[in-house]
Each structure stands twice: as structure tokens, then as C-alpha cells.
């Protein structure tokens, strides 16, 4: 897959999985665009919640979360408000142990917190990310300005609140012998010893069976023997793992994190080069100012990447997300907007690997 250079868009847990794939095995992912994320919802539970409002997924034109509510813009042009206090019961269990708001291992992090309408907050984290943003500004794909101090403080405050709340959840889970391995501060040597003895059965007992799986599909993609499959709710194995194979356990974002990727919970938004607020000069149809769409457009236009790994909505099942690889900007524009649910984001890479082989 060496001819493929892919820009990936993902939530913090998905970006961590991509970072672990880059760290441990060969990966065609070259650019990581991370999204701000408080939590995601179970698609099935969301459907059930909508029934209480006499609604179906196909009735909804657009979702928006702000000011303590989920706003549902219906195809009838009506708006329905659901308090987040009610919606909390449909949050995926694994989100309650996530301490990342801003996708700290990405090249560029993007979200709405701190920016005015039509603009997005952008955190540049790597030299590659800085080069991309500078190029997009120079070629007039985007414009930028400094994020003002009150808005920067707001971003940090929200990130700190997520860390505090979910560290408390993690502490409770550990007390109940439900391990949260990705928060263990182990040395790389110690991690290597743990990994040497781990297989899918350990992934199942330490992540999947205790509600920590993020359903990203990194394990399915990385499995060298094609033994792992993602069903609607979790990874399952189709056979017995070969001896000494630990790849699935290794790349999972909810198992041990190597030292150079590990979050420092004392830094609310992680390490970064620069934080700014950015506006698209090319696109206006997506969410949060269409900055993700615009950066992908810049990357593809300049042949910096060959494809983008994005999440779109199923045509036949309203708002059901699925991952796809595309090099077409019109498909990226069509896919714009937050889905508020999850899918195996690495599945297209698995399909690509099988095509090459």
C-alpha cells in the first residue's frame, strides 16, 4: 500500500488507534485530522430515544449539540430539542473513560469550541500539521486569526472538566476490577513484556467484554490472519489466534499506550505548536465552518495525499455511519457534518489491504 497516502479524519480514540498503527506496524495513514469530541451515542439507543418523541432517524435533516441540548432539525423544518441530561443515557460506555477532548495525537485538531459561528478552532500539533495549515492559508483555502484568551481559556476549561469527570469514572472502574489499561503509566519495556503474552482473548476480557471497546476496527485491520470481524456491536474472532500473535491487542486504543503517545492529563489540550481560529474560503456546507472539508480539499488538490478516510451516512439507513476511502472532493462535501455515532473506521483500510494482496 506504499502508493497510498491517506488523510484520516477521526475522534480522539480513533486518532489514537491510528497513531498506534503508525507506531507498531506499517500504515498508509499519512495525515491525521482529529476532531474535538465530548462523547458519542449508541445508534440503537438513539433510535429508541427518538421513539419517545414520536420520531425516526429518517425524519432528521441535521443534528447539532450546543448549550446543553441536542437540536434536531427535521426535514419538515421544525426543530426538536432534547436535553443532554436525558440523552446521557444513550452515550456509549467507552466514552465515560475517555480523557481526551481534542485528539492530542493528531497532526491537526479541529472543533467548534472557542470559535464564533462560521469559524473553527484549530490546534496545530506537528510540523507536518503546521506546514499544511500554512500552505492552506497561502493558497487561500482558509483564513486564520488568533484565538482570543477568553476563548482559549474556555477550551481548556471544557477539556479539564472532561478529564476530571472521566478520571473519576476510571477510578471507580478500577476499584470494581474493570481495568482501563490505556491509562496505566507503564514504561515501554514493561509494555513490551505485557504485549508479548497478549492475544485476542486478552483483548476480549480487558476491553471488549467490559464496555471499553470504541469499535474503531483497528484490531480487524491489523490482524495478519484475517481472524477478526466487527459485527454491529463488537469485534469477534473467527478462529484461534496463532501462537505469539499480539497485533490486535497491541494496536487497540484502549490497551497500553507507548510513552511517546501517552496523554499528559495535566495538559488539558495536550502538546501543541499553535492554537488559532480558522474560516474556510472554499466551502460552507459542512459543520463547524467546513474546515475539515477544506483541509482535505487542499491536501487532495496539492497531491499531498491520495485519498481521505472519512465517515459518511448510509443512504438506506438514516444517519447510520460508515467509513469510506475517497479521493473525490464532492463525496467529501456530501459526507460533511457530525454523525454522533461510531463505525469501524479502519474497515476501508482492511479492504484496501486485501485488494493489494
Protein backbone atom coordinates (compact mmCIF):
# COMPACT_ATOMS: atom_id res chain seq x y z
CA UNK A 1 0.00 0.00 0.00
CA UNK A 2 3.04 2.24 -0.30
CA UNK A 3 1.47 4.22 -3.17
CA UNK A 4 -1.41 5.21 -0.90
CA UNK A 5 -1.01 8.27 1.32
CA UNK A 6 -4.17 8.75 3.30
CA UNK A 7 -5.54 11.63 5.34
CA UNK A 8 -7.71 10.32 8.15
CA UNK A 9 -10.46 12.18 9.98
CA UNK A 10 -11.33 10.78 13.40
CA UNK A 11 -12.32 11.23 17.01
CA UNK A 12 -9.68 11.13 19.78
CA UNK A 13 -9.90 7.36 20.28
CA UNK A 14 -9.77 6.70 16.53
CA UNK A 15 -6.80 9.02 16.15
CA UNK A 16 -5.03 7.21 18.99
CA UNK A 17 -5.65 3.92 17.19
CA UNK A 18 -4.18 5.43 14.01
CA UNK A 19 -1.17 6.64 15.99
CA UNK A 20 -0.63 3.16 17.43
CA UNK A 21 -0.90 1.66 13.95
CA UNK A 22 1.79 4.09 12.79
CA UNK A 23 3.90 3.27 15.84
CA UNK A 24 3.75 -0.52 15.67
CA UNK A 25 3.01 -1.61 12.09
CA UNK A 26 3.02 -0.26 8.54
CA UNK A 27 0.14 2.11 7.89
CA UNK A 28 -0.87 4.15 4.84
CA UNK A 29 -2.20 6.91 7.10
CA UNK A 30 -0.03 9.96 6.49
CA UNK A 31 -2.08 12.86 7.89
CA UNK A 32 -4.30 12.73 10.98
CA UNK A 33 -7.09 15.29 11.35
CA UNK A 34 -8.54 14.90 14.83
CA UNK A 35 -11.97 16.11 15.90
CA UNK A 36 -12.97 17.59 19.23
CA UNK A 37 -15.28 15.09 20.92
CA UNK A 38 -17.10 15.01 24.25
CA UNK A 39 -18.85 11.69 23.62
CA UNK A 40 -20.65 9.58 21.04
CA UNK A 41 -24.04 7.93 21.11
CA UNK A 42 -25.21 4.40 20.51
CA UNK A 43 -27.12 4.32 17.22
CA UNK A 44 -29.54 1.70 18.52
CA UNK A 45 -30.23 3.57 21.75
CA UNK A 46 -30.62 6.82 19.83
CA UNK A 47 -33.33 5.20 17.71
CA UNK A 48 -35.12 4.14 20.89
CA UNK A 49 -34.84 7.63 22.39
CA UNK A 50 -36.35 9.19 19.28
CA UNK A 51 -39.39 6.93 19.64
CA UNK A 52 -40.18 8.80 22.87
CA UNK A 53 -40.52 11.93 20.72
CA UNK A 54 -42.50 10.10 18.01
CA UNK A 55 -39.55 10.48 15.65
CA UNK A 56 -37.43 8.25 13.43
CA UNK A 57 -33.87 8.73 12.23
CA UNK A 58 -35.10 9.36 8.70
CA UNK A 59 -37.10 12.38 9.95
CA UNK A 60 -33.89 14.24 10.80
CA UNK A 61 -32.12 16.60 8.42
CA UNK A 62 -29.32 17.69 10.77
CA UNK A 63 -28.01 17.19 14.31
CA UNK A 64 -26.39 19.90 16.42
CA UNK A 65 -25.24 19.77 20.04
CA UNK A 66 -24.86 23.04 21.93
CA UNK A 67 -25.88 24.79 25.13
CA UNK A 68 -26.97 21.62 26.89
CA UNK A 69 -29.29 20.31 24.16
CA UNK A 70 -29.32 18.08 21.12
CA UNK A 71 -31.04 20.12 18.43
CA UNK A 72 -32.75 18.04 15.76
CA UNK A 73 -33.57 19.92 12.58
CA UNK A 74 -36.32 17.90 10.96
CA UNK A 75 -37.00 17.59 7.25
CA UNK A 76 -40.26 19.41 7.95
CA UNK A 77 -38.05 22.39 9.03
CA UNK A 78 -39.23 22.02 12.63
CA UNK A 79 -36.65 21.87 15.43
CA UNK A 80 -36.80 19.46 18.36
CA UNK A 81 -34.69 19.97 21.49
CA UNK A 82 -33.58 17.03 23.62
CA UNK A 83 -31.82 17.94 26.89
CA UNK A 84 -28.38 16.38 27.19
CA UNK A 85 -29.38 15.31 30.70
CA UNK A 86 -31.83 12.93 29.00
CA UNK A 87 -29.51 12.00 26.15
CA UNK A 88 -26.76 10.92 28.56
CA UNK A 89 -28.36 7.51 28.87
CA UNK A 90 -27.56 6.76 25.22
CA UNK A 91 -23.85 7.66 25.49
CA UNK A 92 -21.57 4.75 24.62
CA UNK A 93 -19.99 3.22 27.72
CA UNK A 94 -16.44 3.62 26.44
CA UNK A 95 -16.89 7.40 26.23
CA UNK A 96 -17.11 7.55 30.02
CA UNK A 97 -13.45 6.57 30.33
CA UNK A 98 -12.09 8.89 27.64
CA UNK A 99 -10.00 11.79 28.96
CA UNK A 100 -9.28 13.38 25.57
CA UNK A 101 -11.35 16.21 24.17
CA UNK A 102 -9.08 17.42 21.38
CA UNK A 103 -7.42 14.42 19.66
CA UNK A 104 -3.97 15.02 21.10
CA UNK A 105 -2.02 12.64 18.83
CA UNK A 106 -3.30 14.18 15.59
CA UNK A 107 -1.37 16.46 13.27
CA UNK A 108 -4.20 19.00 13.39
CA UNK A 109 -7.14 19.09 15.80
CA UNK A 110 -10.39 20.77 14.77
CA UNK A 111 -13.58 21.72 16.61
CA UNK A 112 -16.06 24.48 17.31
CA UNK A 113 -15.31 25.20 20.98
CA UNK A 114 -13.99 28.73 21.39
CA UNK A 115 -14.76 29.96 17.88
CA UNK A 116 -17.60 32.12 16.61
CA UNK A 117 -20.19 30.82 14.14
CA UNK A 118 -18.64 30.04 10.77
CA UNK A 119 -15.17 29.59 12.25
CA UNK A 120 -13.38 26.59 13.76
CA UNK A 121 -10.78 26.26 16.47
CA UNK A 122 -7.65 24.62 15.07
CA UNK A 123 -4.80 23.19 17.14
CA UNK A 124 -1.58 22.59 15.21
CA UNK A 125 0.37 19.78 16.88
CA UNK A 126 3.13 18.69 14.50
CA UNK A 127 5.47 20.23 11.95
CA UNK A 128 3.50 18.42 9.26
CA UNK A 129 0.30 19.97 10.56
CA UNK A 130 1.89 23.42 10.62
CA UNK A 131 3.06 23.03 7.03
CA UNK A 132 -0.44 22.02 5.94
CA UNK A 133 -2.17 24.95 7.64
CA UNK A 134 0.40 27.45 6.36
CA UNK A 135 0.00 26.09 2.84
CA UNK A 136 -3.79 26.25 3.03
CA UNK A 137 -3.58 29.87 4.19
CA UNK A 138 -1.07 30.80 1.48
CA UNK A 139 -3.24 29.25 -1.24
CA UNK A 140 -6.34 30.95 0.17
CA UNK A 141 -8.21 27.82 1.14
CA UNK A 142 -8.59 29.23 4.65
CA UNK A 143 -8.01 32.39 6.64
CA UNK A 144 -6.94 32.47 10.27
CA UNK A 145 -6.70 34.74 13.27
CA UNK A 146 -5.53 34.39 16.82
CA UNK A 147 -7.85 32.66 19.28
CA UNK A 148 -8.56 35.23 21.95
CA UNK A 149 -7.58 34.48 25.54
CA UNK A 150 -11.14 34.10 26.94
CA UNK A 151 -11.96 31.56 24.21
CA UNK A 152 -8.69 29.71 24.79
CA UNK A 153 -9.49 29.53 28.50
CA UNK A 154 -12.98 28.21 27.68
CA UNK A 155 -11.48 25.44 25.55
CA UNK A 156 -9.12 24.46 28.35
CA UNK A 157 -11.90 24.60 30.94
CA UNK A 158 -14.11 22.22 28.97
CA UNK A 159 -11.18 19.87 28.34
CA UNK A 160 -10.28 19.92 32.04
CA UNK A 161 -13.87 19.12 33.02
CA UNK A 162 -13.87 16.06 30.76
CA UNK A 163 -10.58 14.86 32.21
CA UNK A 164 -11.76 15.33 35.80
CA UNK A 165 -15.12 13.64 35.30
CA UNK A 166 -13.79 10.65 33.41
CA UNK A 167 -10.77 10.12 35.65
CA UNK A 168 -13.31 9.68 38.43
CA UNK A 169 -15.13 7.14 36.27
CA UNK A 170 -11.85 5.35 35.61
CA UNK A 171 -11.06 5.22 39.32
CA UNK A 172 -14.47 3.65 40.02
CA UNK A 173 -13.99 1.08 37.28
CA UNK A 174 -10.54 0.12 38.52
CA UNK A 175 -11.98 -0.34 42.01
CA UNK A 176 -14.52 -2.75 40.51
CA UNK A 177 -11.74 -4.67 38.71
CA UNK A 178 -12.76 -3.33 35.30
CA UNK A 179 -9.33 -2.27 34.03
CA UNK A 180 -8.64 0.85 31.99
CA UNK A 181 -5.33 -0.21 30.51
CA UNK A 182 -4.70 2.85 28.37
CA UNK A 183 -4.35 4.98 31.50
CA UNK A 184 -1.67 2.74 33.03
CA UNK A 185 1.66 4.58 33.24
CA UNK A 186 3.92 1.72 32.22
CA UNK A 187 7.38 2.00 30.70
CA UNK A 188 7.83 0.85 27.12
CA UNK A 189 9.87 -2.12 28.36
CA UNK A 190 7.06 -3.12 30.70
CA UNK A 191 4.50 -2.72 27.91
CA UNK A 192 6.60 -4.91 25.62
CA UNK A 193 6.52 -7.69 28.21
CA UNK A 194 2.74 -7.38 28.57
CA UNK A 195 2.26 -7.41 24.80
CA UNK A 196 4.43 -10.48 24.35
CA UNK A 197 1.89 -12.56 26.26
CA UNK A 198 -1.33 -10.95 24.95
CA UNK A 199 -3.77 -12.27 22.34
CA UNK A 200 -7.36 -11.66 21.27
CA UNK A 201 -8.67 -13.41 24.38
CA UNK A 202 -6.92 -10.74 26.45
CA UNK A 203 -8.39 -8.00 24.28
CA UNK A 204 -11.80 -9.57 24.83
CA UNK A 205 -11.51 -9.77 28.61
CA UNK A 206 -9.75 -6.43 29.19
CA UNK A 207 -11.52 -4.25 26.63
CA UNK A 208 -14.45 -5.74 24.73
CA UNK A 209 -16.35 -7.55 27.47
CA UNK A 210 -16.15 -4.64 29.93
CA UNK A 211 -17.54 -1.99 27.59
CA UNK A 212 -14.26 -0.24 26.76
CA UNK A 213 -14.18 -1.07 23.02
CA UNK A 214 -14.50 2.03 20.82
CA UNK A 215 -15.48 -0.07 17.76
CA UNK A 216 -12.77 1.55 15.63
CA UNK A 217 -11.80 -1.67 13.85
CA UNK A 218 -8.04 -1.28 14.31
CA UNK A 219 -7.86 -4.88 15.55
CA UNK A 220 -9.68 -6.15 12.46
CA UNK A 221 -7.40 -4.17 10.15
CA UNK A 222 -4.18 -5.24 11.89
CA UNK A 223 -4.97 -8.96 12.18
CA UNK A 224 -2.49 -10.66 9.86
CA UNK A 225 -4.56 -13.84 9.59
CA UNK A 226 -7.93 -12.19 8.92
CA UNK A 227 -9.46 -13.82 12.00
CA UNK A 228 -11.20 -10.78 13.48
CA UNK A 229 -14.53 -9.45 12.31
CA UNK A 230 -16.53 -6.47 13.55
CA UNK A 231 -20.23 -7.17 13.98
CA UNK A 232 -22.74 -4.45 14.83
CA UNK A 233 -21.56 -4.06 18.40
CA UNK A 234 -18.10 -5.57 18.95
CA UNK A 235 -15.12 -7.43 17.47
CA UNK A 236 -15.37 -11.20 17.34
CA UNK A 237 -12.86 -13.84 16.30
CA UNK A 238 -13.45 -16.42 13.58
CA UNK A 239 -10.77 -18.83 14.74
CA UNK A 240 -7.89 -19.47 17.08
CA UNK A 241 -5.06 -16.95 17.13
CA UNK A 242 -1.62 -18.12 16.03
CA UNK A 243 0.88 -18.51 18.82
CA UNK A 244 2.82 -15.34 19.69
CA UNK A 245 0.49 -13.07 17.69
CA UNK A 246 -0.47 -9.99 19.69
CA UNK A 247 -1.17 -7.41 16.98
CA UNK A 248 -4.85 -6.85 17.79
CA UNK A 249 -4.12 -6.21 21.45
CA UNK A 250 -1.15 -4.01 20.57
CA UNK A 251 -2.94 -1.54 18.29
CA UNK A 252 -6.15 -1.16 20.30
CA UNK A 253 -6.51 2.42 21.60
CA UNK A 254 -7.79 1.09 24.92
CA UNK A 255 -4.76 -1.07 25.74
CA UNK A 256 -1.35 0.13 26.91
CA UNK A 257 -0.14 3.35 25.26
CA UNK A 258 3.57 3.74 24.46
CA UNK A 259 5.30 6.57 26.25
CA UNK A 260 5.67 8.86 23.23
CA UNK A 261 1.90 8.74 22.54
CA UNK A 262 0.63 8.87 26.10
CA UNK A 263 -1.63 11.73 27.18
CA UNK A 264 -0.41 14.01 29.94
CA UNK A 265 -3.60 14.65 31.90
CA UNK A 266 -2.08 17.77 33.43
CA UNK A 267 -2.20 19.38 29.97
CA UNK A 268 -5.88 19.81 29.18
CA UNK A 269 -5.49 20.02 25.40
CA UNK A 270 -2.14 18.24 25.13
CA UNK A 271 1.03 19.44 23.45
CA UNK A 272 0.72 21.81 20.53
CA UNK A 273 2.58 24.30 18.38
CA UNK A 274 -0.19 26.84 17.90
CA UNK A 275 -3.91 27.38 18.52
CA UNK A 276 -5.93 29.58 16.18
CA UNK A 277 -9.41 30.16 14.85
CA UNK A 278 -9.90 29.46 11.16
CA UNK A 279 -12.51 30.13 8.48
CA UNK A 280 -12.94 28.35 5.16
CA UNK A 281 -12.68 30.41 1.98
CA UNK A 282 -13.79 27.48 -0.19
CA UNK A 283 -16.65 25.59 1.46
CA UNK A 284 -19.61 26.47 3.65
CA UNK A 285 -21.85 23.39 3.71
CA UNK A 286 -20.22 21.30 6.45
CA UNK A 287 -20.28 21.61 10.22
CA UNK A 288 -18.00 23.85 12.30
CA UNK A 289 -17.17 26.07 9.34
CA UNK A 290 -16.31 23.24 6.91
CA UNK A 291 -12.65 23.34 7.92
CA UNK A 292 -12.19 19.57 7.75
CA UNK A 293 -13.63 19.54 4.23
CA UNK A 294 -11.45 22.47 3.22
CA UNK A 295 -8.23 20.97 4.57
CA UNK A 296 -8.97 17.69 2.79
CA UNK A 297 -9.62 19.67 -0.39
CA UNK A 298 -6.24 21.37 -0.01
CA UNK A 299 -4.46 18.06 0.62
CA UNK A 300 -6.03 16.36 -2.40
CA UNK A 301 -5.67 19.35 -4.72
CA UNK A 302 -1.95 19.55 -3.98
CA UNK A 303 -1.44 15.77 -4.16
CA UNK A 304 -0.19 15.70 -0.58
CA UNK A 305 -2.43 12.69 -0.03
CA UNK A 306 -4.05 10.28 -2.47
CA UNK A 307 -7.26 9.63 -0.53
CA UNK A 308 -9.19 10.67 2.54
CA UNK A 309 -10.56 8.23 5.12
CA UNK A 310 -13.87 9.74 6.18
CA UNK A 311 -17.21 8.77 7.70
CA UNK A 312 -20.35 9.14 5.61
CA UNK A 313 -24.01 8.29 6.21
CA UNK A 314 -25.71 5.23 4.76
CA UNK A 315 -28.25 6.09 2.06
CA UNK A 316 -30.56 3.24 3.01
CA UNK A 317 -30.36 3.65 6.80
CA UNK A 318 -30.75 7.22 8.00
CA UNK A 319 -27.74 8.63 9.87
CA UNK A 320 -26.08 5.21 10.14
CA UNK A 321 -22.36 6.00 9.77
CA UNK A 322 -19.93 4.03 7.65
CA UNK A 323 -16.29 4.63 6.76
CA UNK A 324 -15.07 5.12 3.22
CA UNK A 325 -11.94 5.99 1.27
CA UNK A 326 -12.31 8.63 -1.40
CA UNK A 327 -10.23 10.97 -3.47
CA UNK A 328 -13.24 12.93 -4.68
CA UNK A 329 -13.97 16.27 -3.08
CA UNK A 330 -17.68 16.11 -3.97
CA UNK A 331 -18.00 12.93 -1.89
CA UNK A 332 -16.19 14.63 0.98
CA UNK A 333 -18.56 17.60 0.79
CA UNK A 334 -21.55 15.24 0.80
CA UNK A 335 -20.25 13.47 3.90
CA UNK A 336 -19.83 16.68 5.89
CA UNK A 337 -21.35 17.03 9.34
CA UNK A 338 -21.04 15.15 12.61
CA UNK A 339 -22.70 11.72 12.79
CA UNK A 340 -22.74 11.42 16.62
CA UNK A 341 -22.33 7.66 16.39
CA UNK A 342 -19.46 5.31 15.56
CA UNK A 343 -18.46 2.72 12.99
CA UNK A 344 -15.35 0.62 12.24
CA UNK A 345 -13.40 3.47 10.72
CA UNK A 346 -10.45 1.31 9.64
CA UNK A 347 -12.52 -1.15 7.61
CA UNK A 348 -11.74 0.56 4.27
CA UNK A 349 -8.03 0.11 5.01
CA UNK A 350 -8.62 -3.60 5.56
CA UNK A 351 -10.45 -3.79 2.24
CA UNK A 352 -7.61 -1.89 0.58
CA UNK A 353 -5.02 -4.25 2.05
CA UNK A 354 -6.95 -7.26 0.74
CA UNK A 355 -7.16 -5.71 -2.73
CA UNK A 356 -3.40 -5.15 -2.81
CA UNK A 357 -2.68 -8.67 -1.60
